C-alpha atoms as a PDB file:
ATOM      1  CA  MET A   1     -11.613  10.895 -33.371  1.00  0.00           C
ATOM      2  CA  LYS A   2     -10.553  13.217 -30.561  1.00  0.00           C
ATOM      3  CA  LYS A   3     -12.670  11.319 -28.062  1.00  0.00           C
ATOM      4  CA  ALA A   4     -10.865   8.108 -28.971  1.00  0.00           C
ATOM      5  CA  LEU A   5      -7.404   9.567 -28.281  1.00  0.00           C
ATOM      6  CA  PRO A   6      -7.314   8.759 -24.525  1.00  0.00           C
ATOM      7  CA  ASN A   7      -8.117   5.093 -25.185  1.00  0.00           C
ATOM      8  CA  ILE A   8      -5.550   4.932 -27.980  1.00  0.00           C
ATOM      9  CA  VAL A   9      -2.902   6.246 -25.586  1.00  0.00           C
ATOM     10  CA  SER A  10      -3.931   3.695 -22.946  1.00  0.00           C
ATOM     11  CA  ILE A  11      -3.732   0.849 -25.469  1.00  0.00           C
ATOM     12  CA  ALA A  12      -0.311   2.087 -26.563  1.00  0.00           C
ATOM     13  CA  ARG A  13       0.830   1.955 -22.928  1.00  0.00           C
ATOM     14  CA  ILE A  14      -0.314  -1.666 -22.672  1.00  0.00           C
ATOM     15  CA  CYS A  15       1.624  -2.436 -25.856  1.00  0.00           C
ATOM     16  CA  LEU A  16       4.756  -1.017 -24.215  1.00  0.00           C
ATOM     17  CA  VAL A  17       4.763  -3.887 -21.670  1.00  0.00           C
ATOM     18  CA  PRO A  18       6.375  -6.474 -24.010  1.00  0.00           C
ATOM     19  CA  VAL A  19       8.647  -3.720 -25.361  1.00  0.00           C
ATOM     20  CA  PHE A  20       9.924  -3.072 -21.839  1.00  0.00           C
ATOM     21  CA  ILE A  21      10.598  -6.773 -21.259  1.00  0.00           C
ATOM     22  CA  ALA A  22      12.525  -6.989 -24.516  1.00  0.00           C
ATOM     23  CA  VAL A  23      14.768  -3.971 -23.964  1.00  0.00           C
ATOM     24  CA  TYR A  24      15.326  -4.878 -20.313  1.00  0.00           C
ATOM     25  CA  PHE A  25      16.777  -8.294 -21.025  1.00  0.00           C
ATOM     26  CA  ILE A  26      18.282  -7.799 -24.491  1.00  0.00           C
ATOM     27  CA  HIS A  27      20.619  -4.998 -23.451  1.00  0.00           C
ATOM     28  CA  GLU A  28      23.285  -6.311 -21.098  1.00  0.00           C
ATOM     29  CA  SER A  29      24.568  -2.928 -19.900  1.00  0.00           C
ATOM     30  CA  ASP A  30      24.647  -2.289 -16.175  1.00  0.00           C
ATOM     31  CA  ILE A  31      22.342   0.697 -16.497  1.00  0.00           C
ATOM     32  CA  LYS A  32      19.070  -0.121 -18.242  1.00  0.00           C
ATOM     33  CA  TYR A  33      18.835   3.115 -20.237  1.00  0.00           C
ATOM     34  CA  TRP A  34      16.344   1.862 -22.817  1.00  0.00           C
ATOM     35  CA  ALA A  35      14.188   0.162 -20.209  1.00  0.00           C
ATOM     36  CA  ILE A  36      14.115   3.356 -18.138  1.00  0.00           C
ATOM     37  CA  MET A  37      13.126   5.312 -21.247  1.00  0.00           C
ATOM     38  CA  VAL A  38      10.257   2.941 -22.067  1.00  0.00           C
ATOM     39  CA  TYR A  39       9.086   3.044 -18.449  1.00  0.00           C
ATOM     40  CA  ALA A  40       9.231   6.847 -18.437  1.00  0.00           C
ATOM     41  CA  ILE A  41       7.231   7.037 -21.676  1.00  0.00           C
ATOM     42  CA  ALA A  42       4.613   4.750 -20.125  1.00  0.00           C
ATOM     43  CA  GLY A  43       4.444   7.017 -17.077  1.00  0.00           C
ATOM     44  CA  LEU A  44       4.035  10.125 -19.224  1.00  0.00           C
ATOM     45  CA  SER A  45       1.343   8.420 -21.287  1.00  0.00           C
ATOM     46  CA  ASP A  46      -0.611   7.872 -18.081  1.00  0.00           C
ATOM     47  CA  LEU A  47      -0.646  11.634 -17.521  1.00  0.00           C
ATOM     48  CA  LEU A  48      -1.440  12.271 -21.174  1.00  0.00           C
ATOM     49  CA  ASP A  49      -4.511  10.039 -21.459  1.00  0.00           C
ATOM     50  CA  GLY A  50      -5.983  11.585 -18.309  1.00  0.00           C
ATOM     51  CA  TYR A  51      -5.389  15.079 -19.691  1.00  0.00           C
ATOM     52  CA  LEU A  52      -6.929  14.201 -23.057  1.00  0.00           C
ATOM     53  CA  ALA A  53      -9.958  12.581 -21.423  1.00  0.00           C
ATOM     54  CA  ARG A  54     -10.641  15.748 -19.419  1.00  0.00           C
ATOM     55  CA  LYS A  55      -9.888  18.115 -22.299  1.00  0.00           C
ATOM     56  CA  PHE A  56     -12.175  16.418 -24.822  1.00  0.00           C
ATOM     57  CA  ASP A  57     -14.739  15.227 -22.265  1.00  0.00           C
ATOM     58  CA  ALA A  58     -13.951  11.691 -23.383  1.00  0.00           C
ATOM     59  CA  VAL A  59     -14.268   9.696 -20.158  1.00  0.00           C
ATOM     60  CA  THR A  60     -15.673   6.288 -21.154  1.00  0.00           C
ATOM     61  CA  LYS A  61     -16.261   2.940 -19.490  1.00  0.00           C
ATOM     62  CA  LEU A  62     -13.613   1.406 -21.743  1.00  0.00           C
ATOM     63  CA  GLY A  63     -11.167   4.119 -20.749  1.00  0.00           C
ATOM     64  CA  LYS A  64     -11.841   3.503 -17.070  1.00  0.00           C
ATOM     65  CA  LEU A  65     -10.808  -0.100 -17.675  1.00  0.00           C
ATOM     66  CA  LEU A  66      -7.843   0.444 -20.000  1.00  0.00           C
ATOM     67  CA  ASP A  67      -6.164   3.238 -18.046  1.00  0.00           C
ATOM     68  CA  PRO A  68      -5.651   1.401 -14.725  1.00  0.00           C
ATOM     69  CA  LEU A  69      -5.037  -1.885 -16.551  1.00  0.00           C
ATOM     70  CA  GLY A  70      -2.094  -0.355 -18.402  1.00  0.00           C
ATOM     71  CA  ASP A  71      -0.688   1.111 -15.189  1.00  0.00           C
ATOM     72  CA  LYS A  72      -0.921  -2.132 -13.240  1.00  0.00           C
ATOM     73  CA  LEU A  73       0.482  -4.313 -16.023  1.00  0.00           C
ATOM     74  CA  MET A  74       3.467  -2.047 -16.558  1.00  0.00           C
ATOM     75  CA  THR A  75       4.267  -1.636 -12.858  1.00  0.00           C
ATOM     76  CA  PHE A  76       3.930  -5.360 -12.166  1.00  0.00           C
ATOM     77  CA  THR A  77       6.101  -6.211 -15.179  1.00  0.00           C
ATOM     78  CA  VAL A  78       8.823  -3.772 -14.133  1.00  0.00           C
ATOM     79  CA  MET A  79       8.872  -5.142 -10.589  1.00  0.00           C
ATOM     80  CA  VAL A  80       9.122  -8.746 -11.810  1.00  0.00           C
ATOM     81  CA  CYS A  81      11.975  -7.903 -14.201  1.00  0.00           C
ATOM     82  CA  ILE A  82      13.921  -6.105 -11.488  1.00  0.00           C
ATOM     83  CA  THR A  83      13.295  -8.994  -9.096  1.00  0.00           C
ATOM     84  CA  ILE A  84      14.910 -11.393 -11.558  1.00  0.00           C
ATOM     85  CA  THR A  85      18.099  -9.349 -11.898  1.00  0.00           C
ATOM     86  CA  SER A  86      18.361  -7.437  -8.621  1.00  0.00           C
ATOM     87  CA  HIS A  87      17.820  -7.667  -4.886  1.00  0.00           C
ATOM     88  CA  ILE A  88      14.245  -6.384  -4.849  1.00  0.00           C
ATOM     89  CA  LEU A  89      12.288  -8.492  -2.404  1.00  0.00           C
ATOM     90  CA  TYR A  90      10.154 -11.113  -4.120  1.00  0.00           C
ATOM     91  CA  TRP A  91       7.487 -10.675  -1.479  1.00  0.00           C
ATOM     92  CA  ALA A  92       7.179  -7.028  -2.552  1.00  0.00           C
ATOM     93  CA  VAL A  93       5.924  -8.218  -5.934  1.00  0.00           C
ATOM     94  CA  LEU A  94       3.518 -10.581  -4.185  1.00  0.00           C
ATOM     95  CA  VAL A  95       2.206  -7.810  -1.919  1.00  0.00           C
ATOM     96  CA  TYR A  96       1.656  -5.530  -4.910  1.00  0.00           C
ATOM     97  CA  PHE A  97      -0.166  -8.297  -6.791  1.00  0.00           C
ATOM     98  CA  VAL A  98      -2.414  -9.138  -3.817  1.00  0.00           C
ATOM     99  CA  LYS A  99      -3.151  -5.448  -3.285  1.00  0.00           C
ATOM    100  CA  GLU A 100      -4.311  -5.017  -6.883  1.00  0.00           C
ATOM    101  CA  VAL A 101      -6.411  -8.191  -6.720  1.00  0.00           C
ATOM    102  CA  LEU A 102      -8.135  -7.000  -3.540  1.00  0.00           C
ATOM    103  CA  MET A 103      -8.822  -3.605  -5.082  1.00  0.00           C
ATOM    104  CA  ALA A 104     -10.242  -5.251  -8.200  1.00  0.00           C
ATOM    105  CA  ILE A 105     -12.530  -7.432  -6.070  1.00  0.00           C
ATOM    106  CA  GLY A 106     -13.609  -4.411  -4.040  1.00  0.00           C
ATOM    107  CA  GLY A 107     -14.323  -2.430  -7.194  1.00  0.00           C
ATOM    108  CA  PHE A 108     -16.362  -5.289  -8.642  1.00  0.00           C
ATOM    109  CA  LEU A 109     -18.435  -5.610  -5.462  1.00  0.00           C
ATOM    110  CA  ILE A 110     -19.098  -1.886  -5.342  1.00  0.00           C
ATOM    111  CA  HIS A 111     -20.205  -1.849  -8.963  1.00  0.00           C
ATOM    112  CA  ARG A 112     -22.309  -5.007  -8.587  1.00  0.00           C
ATOM    113  CA  LYS A 113     -23.860  -4.416  -5.172  1.00  0.00           C
ATOM    114  CA  ALA A 114     -23.886  -0.648  -4.654  1.00  0.00           C
ATOM    115  CA  ARG A 115     -24.055   0.262  -8.354  1.00  0.00           C
ATOM    116  CA  VAL A 116     -21.982   3.407  -7.963  1.00  0.00           C
ATOM    117  CA  GLU A 117     -18.857   4.703  -9.633  1.00  0.00           C
ATOM    118  CA  LEU A 118     -15.554   3.701  -8.081  1.00  0.00           C
ATOM    119  CA  PRO A 119     -13.899   6.390  -5.951  1.00  0.00           C
ATOM    120  CA  ALA A 120     -11.127   8.273  -7.726  1.00  0.00           C
ATOM    121  CA  ALA A 121      -7.513   7.702  -6.748  1.00  0.00           C
ATOM    122  CA  ASN A 122      -6.699   9.655  -3.597  1.00  0.00           C
ATOM    123  CA  TYR A 123      -3.426  11.373  -2.781  1.00  0.00           C
ATOM    124  CA  ILE A 124      -2.133   8.323  -0.885  1.00  0.00           C
ATOM    125  CA  GLY A 125      -2.720   6.100  -3.899  1.00  0.00           C
ATOM    126  CA  LYS A 126      -1.016   8.593  -6.194  1.00  0.00           C
ATOM    127  CA  ALA A 127       1.908   8.881  -3.785  1.00  0.00           C
ATOM    128  CA  SER A 128       2.334   5.094  -3.653  1.00  0.00           C
ATOM    129  CA  THR A 129       2.290   4.860  -7.452  1.00  0.00           C
ATOM    130  CA  PHE A 130       4.899   7.603  -7.798  1.00  0.00           C
ATOM    131  CA  LEU A 131       7.096   6.102  -5.093  1.00  0.00           C
ATOM    132  CA  LEU A 132       7.018   2.669  -6.756  1.00  0.00           C
ATOM    133  CA  PHE A 133       7.916   4.305 -10.070  1.00  0.00           C
ATOM    134  CA  LEU A 134      10.799   6.188  -8.449  1.00  0.00           C
ATOM    135  CA  VAL A 135      12.177   3.119  -6.652  1.00  0.00           C
ATOM    136  CA  CYS A 136      12.063   1.051  -9.836  1.00  0.00           C
ATOM    137  CA  VAL A 137      13.895   3.750 -11.806  1.00  0.00           C
ATOM    138  CA  ILE A 138      16.550   4.068  -9.097  1.00  0.00           C
ATOM    139  CA  MET A 139      17.154   0.324  -9.109  1.00  0.00           C
ATOM    140  CA  MET A 140      17.465   0.239 -12.891  1.00  0.00           C
ATOM    141  CA  PHE A 141      19.811   3.215 -12.979  1.00  0.00           C
ATOM    142  CA  PHE A 142      22.012   2.492  -9.965  1.00  0.00           C
ATOM    143  CA  ARG A 143      22.801  -1.165 -10.496  1.00  0.00           C
ATOM    144  CA  GLU A 144      25.474  -1.341  -7.797  1.00  0.00           C
ATOM    145  CA  LEU A 145      23.397  -0.198  -4.863  1.00  0.00           C
ATOM    146  CA  PRO A 146      24.115  -2.044  -1.611  1.00  0.00           C
ATOM    147  CA  GLU A 147      21.560  -4.721  -0.907  1.00  0.00           C
ATOM    148  CA  TYR A 148      20.396  -3.056   2.313  1.00  0.00           C
ATOM    149  CA  VAL A 149      19.630   0.151   0.371  1.00  0.00           C
ATOM    150  CA  GLU A 150      17.548  -1.755  -2.171  1.00  0.00           C
ATOM    151  CA  ILE A 151      15.703  -3.545   0.617  1.00  0.00           C
ATOM    152  CA  ALA A 152      15.047  -0.250   2.420  1.00  0.00           C
ATOM    153  CA  LEU A 153      13.719   1.445  -0.730  1.00  0.00           C
ATOM    154  CA  THR A 154      11.514  -1.507  -1.593  1.00  0.00           C
ATOM    155  CA  THR A 155      10.141  -1.787   1.938  1.00  0.00           C
ATOM    156  CA  ALA A 156       9.319   1.935   2.050  1.00  0.00           C
ATOM    157  CA  ALA A 157       7.444   1.739  -1.252  1.00  0.00           C
ATOM    158  CA  ILE A 158       5.491  -1.322  -0.161  1.00  0.00           C
ATOM    159  CA  CYS A 159       4.572   0.266   3.178  1.00  0.00           C
ATOM    160  CA  VAL A 160       3.057   3.260   1.380  1.00  0.00           C
ATOM    161  CA  THR A 161       1.276   0.842  -0.959  1.00  0.00           C
ATOM    162  CA  LEU A 162      -0.277  -0.939   2.027  1.00  0.00           C
ATOM    163  CA  VAL A 163      -1.394   2.385   3.492  1.00  0.00           C
ATOM    164  CA  ALA A 164      -3.010   3.189   0.133  1.00  0.00           C
ATOM    165  CA  LEU A 165      -4.746  -0.193   0.165  1.00  0.00           C
ATOM    166  CA  ALA A 166      -6.095   0.485   3.660  1.00  0.00           C
ATOM    167  CA  SER A 167      -7.423   3.890   2.588  1.00  0.00           C
ATOM    168  CA  TYR A 168      -9.166   2.425  -0.467  1.00  0.00           C
ATOM    169  CA  LEU A 169     -10.678  -0.429   1.544  1.00  0.00           C
ATOM    170  CA  ASN A 170     -11.954   2.114   4.050  1.00  0.00           C
ATOM    171  CA  SER A 171     -13.602   4.052   1.226  1.00  0.00           C
ATOM    172  CA  TYR A 172     -15.120   0.866  -0.203  1.00  0.00           C
ATOM    173  CA  ILE A 173     -16.535  -0.141   3.188  1.00  0.00           C
ATOM    174  CA  LYS A 174     -18.103   3.304   3.680  1.00  0.00           C
ATOM    175  CA  ILE A 175     -19.728   3.116   0.261  1.00  0.00           C
ATOM    176  CA  MET A 176     -21.091  -0.367   0.871  1.00  0.00           C
ATOM    177  CA  LYS A 177     -22.473   0.659   4.279  1.00  0.00           C
ATOM    178  CA  SER A 178     -24.111   3.818   2.978  1.00  0.00           C
ATOM    179  CA  ARG A 179     -26.081   2.165   0.189  1.00  0.00           C
ATOM    180  CA  PRO A 180     -28.366  -0.039   2.333  1.00  0.00           C
ATOM    181  CA  THR A 181     -29.180   2.993   4.464  1.00  0.00           C
ATOM    182  CA  GLU A 182     -30.199   4.932   1.395  1.00  0.00           C
ATOM    183  CA  ASN A 183     -32.266   1.999   0.126  1.00  0.00           C
ATOM    184  CA  ASN A 184     -34.005   1.600   3.471  1.00  0.00           C
ATOM    185  CA  ASN A 185     -34.777   5.306   3.555  1.00  0.00           C
ATOM    186  CA  GLY A 186     -36.228   5.005   0.071  1.00  0.00           C
ATOM    187  CA  GLU A 187     -38.355   2.054   1.121  1.00  0.00           C
ATOM    188  CA  ASN A 188     -39.560   3.923   4.199  1.00  0.00           C
ATOM    189  CA  GLU A 189     -40.505   6.917   2.084  1.00  0.00           C
ATOM    190  CA  CYS A 190     -42.400   4.656  -0.333  1.00  0.00           C
ATOM    191  CA  ASN A 191     -44.197   2.961   2.562  1.00  0.00           C
ATOM    192  CA  GLN A 192     -45.117   6.309   4.077  1.00  0.00           C
ATOM    193  CA  GLN A 193     -46.427   7.513   0.715  1.00  0.00           C
ATOM    194  CA  SER A 194     -48.481   4.331   0.308  1.00  0.00           C
ATOM    195  CA  VAL A 195     -50.013   4.775   3.752  1.00  0.00           C
ATOM    196  CA  GLN A 196     -50.835   8.382   2.935  1.00  0.00           C
ATOM    197  CA  ASP A 197     -52.473   7.355  -0.360  1.00  0.00           C
ATOM    198  CA  VAL A 198     -54.562   4.742   1.438  1.00  0.00           C
ATOM    199  CA  ASN A 199     -55.684   7.262   4.044  1.00  0.00           C
ATOM    200  CA  GLU A 200     -56.650   9.757   1.344  1.00  0.00           C
ATOM    201  CA  THR A 201     -58.634   7.068  -0.467  1.00  0.00           C
ATOM    202  CA  ARG A 202     -60.527   6.203   2.695  1.00  0.00           C
ATOM    203  CA  GLN A 203     -61.377   9.828   3.258  1.00  0.00           C
END
């Protein structure tokens, strides 16, 4: 049961996505208190499932899928909701979506071609996630921010997101380049061993 806890938390975070949408649009107050609370709970659950997975040694393939899926769905949903009611740049949502799609494609290729585990989130990726979270909370709490402030905050968050994307793509490229080298080395070693076996047989 303990080993299932991280996945249960991740599933609960995914279930919070429609809850966020509901409380965001149902409550007409200027400050989206309930939406901020749901978003904060989702953020804390992300920390909790990682902690539980490490504590109970419960890292699973399903968990590796559910954990990032919950994060991406919640973040994308929050950005779309804010875009509808605020001045957040619509292209920021598009950039975030494209970034996640590219990372998903890169992860699939690494798993399919190189057959290695995906690299863990680096500090740039974690910083971009936190900054997006912070910007979204600020925009939900301070509803009367000048438009240029909202644009500046959004642009800063997206810039860090693009830097994170570049760092991940760089890691993916290095992994893909290193695998053929290892395979070739393995083939060379096998060929050398075969030649040695043949020579010993002849002797």
